[in-house]
């Protein structure tokens, strides 16, 4: 019997960080990953998409900088080279995760793992016919793309006409037209990339707005910006069928057929919890996601679940924090997660970032709040670097508890600025204390300071 203190199933952000932290805490750890270390985030999500989006941004700057006194001729975009560089970036980072596991003496098993109940008081996990045992388990099996039962979708995926976020990142030739089914974060980031490099993109979204729970005014800015670049949005539209070269959808004006070279299916993700043996130890699920408390504990003692598989907030940095909380509790250090303090980012151009509740969400909870909305133009650096930008920063303040409960922004560097806003939400400092923070000048983040002074 090969014994470990902890077995981690899943080598994505939550899994590999949990393995690292546990090993650093003195535990003997075994990590299972059936595909590649780094999970969806590193191999077909966060990192690959940002690599593509950065190339698109460079191309846009090269072709749209006349007002800044920069004119470039014969600018070309080599999508195949972008994909080649993406593969190089992924390889470097995956290797880095592997070296981190090795340096922390984590045993890595690259094979599918299945829990097979308990044996002699230990959790039993089997991979490729070999049994491994441990006192504790962390489940970190991530999520998978939802494939809806729309007529023609299965056949479209099989033929390659329809792609998910996985396949589209390996496509070496740009289509002339692309239909994106789903206007959430993943769909928008990919739509942003392809539209920025000359592909005619149409986004089909069932809801009244794009980007899910994102602030309504931010969504309007994004749609207006991308309309300028030729992107079309079909809102409150339901896809009825997919045929070779055609997407059939219906909206308030009736049924339509959209001709397209390729389709990106991006209607959401679901927890990957099937086929790993959770039923053998009685782990509770809710609509396929593992139920956890604020310590990331499941209903089964000594079994934790971190990352997308618990269905809470499917973001890599959420998984990181969940991993730390789970391991801290395993090591006897009291710790809990506060989901309301976790920021989210949409890496479109312009960027979107937010943390906490919107004003509308606060009012729905019966809270007494004030919202201030400050244009990014209040920040000198933004004016210097962005030509006629429409970015802004909203701060939502709880008047009764005297603390910031939400910050929502759209504009350059939003992804980098949101940390300071998240710290304001987390520390619960009153406006009078926040006003004493010194922001470097000139920086775009000064817009947050301007908003604080208007509370």
Foldseek 3Di string as FASTA:
>chain_A
DAEWAEEEEAQALLRLLLLLVLLVLPTAYEYEAQPAHRPCCLQQRVQLLVLLQVLLVVLLCQPPVVVVVHHDPPDADQQLVSLVVSVVSSVVVSVVSVVSCVVSNYHYDHFAKAWQADDPQWTWIDGPRDIYTHNFYEYEHAKDFDQDPAAPSVVCVVVVQEDESNVVSNDRDQWQEEEEEAQAQVSQSVQLSNLSNRHQYEYEHLAQFGHPQADPVQRVQSVVVSVVSRYHYHYNKAFRYDDVQWTWIAHPVGIDIDGGRHYYYHHDIAAPDPPRHPVNHPFDDDPQATDADQLQDTPGPRYGYAACSNPDDHDSVRSNVSSVSNSCVVSVHHDGDDQQLDKDWRVHVFIKIKGFDDPVVCVVVVFDKDKDKAFLVVQPVQVVPPPPDRKIKMWIAGPVLQFTGMIIITGPPNVVLCNVVSVRNVVRDHLVVVLPDDDDPRDSSCRVNVRSVVD
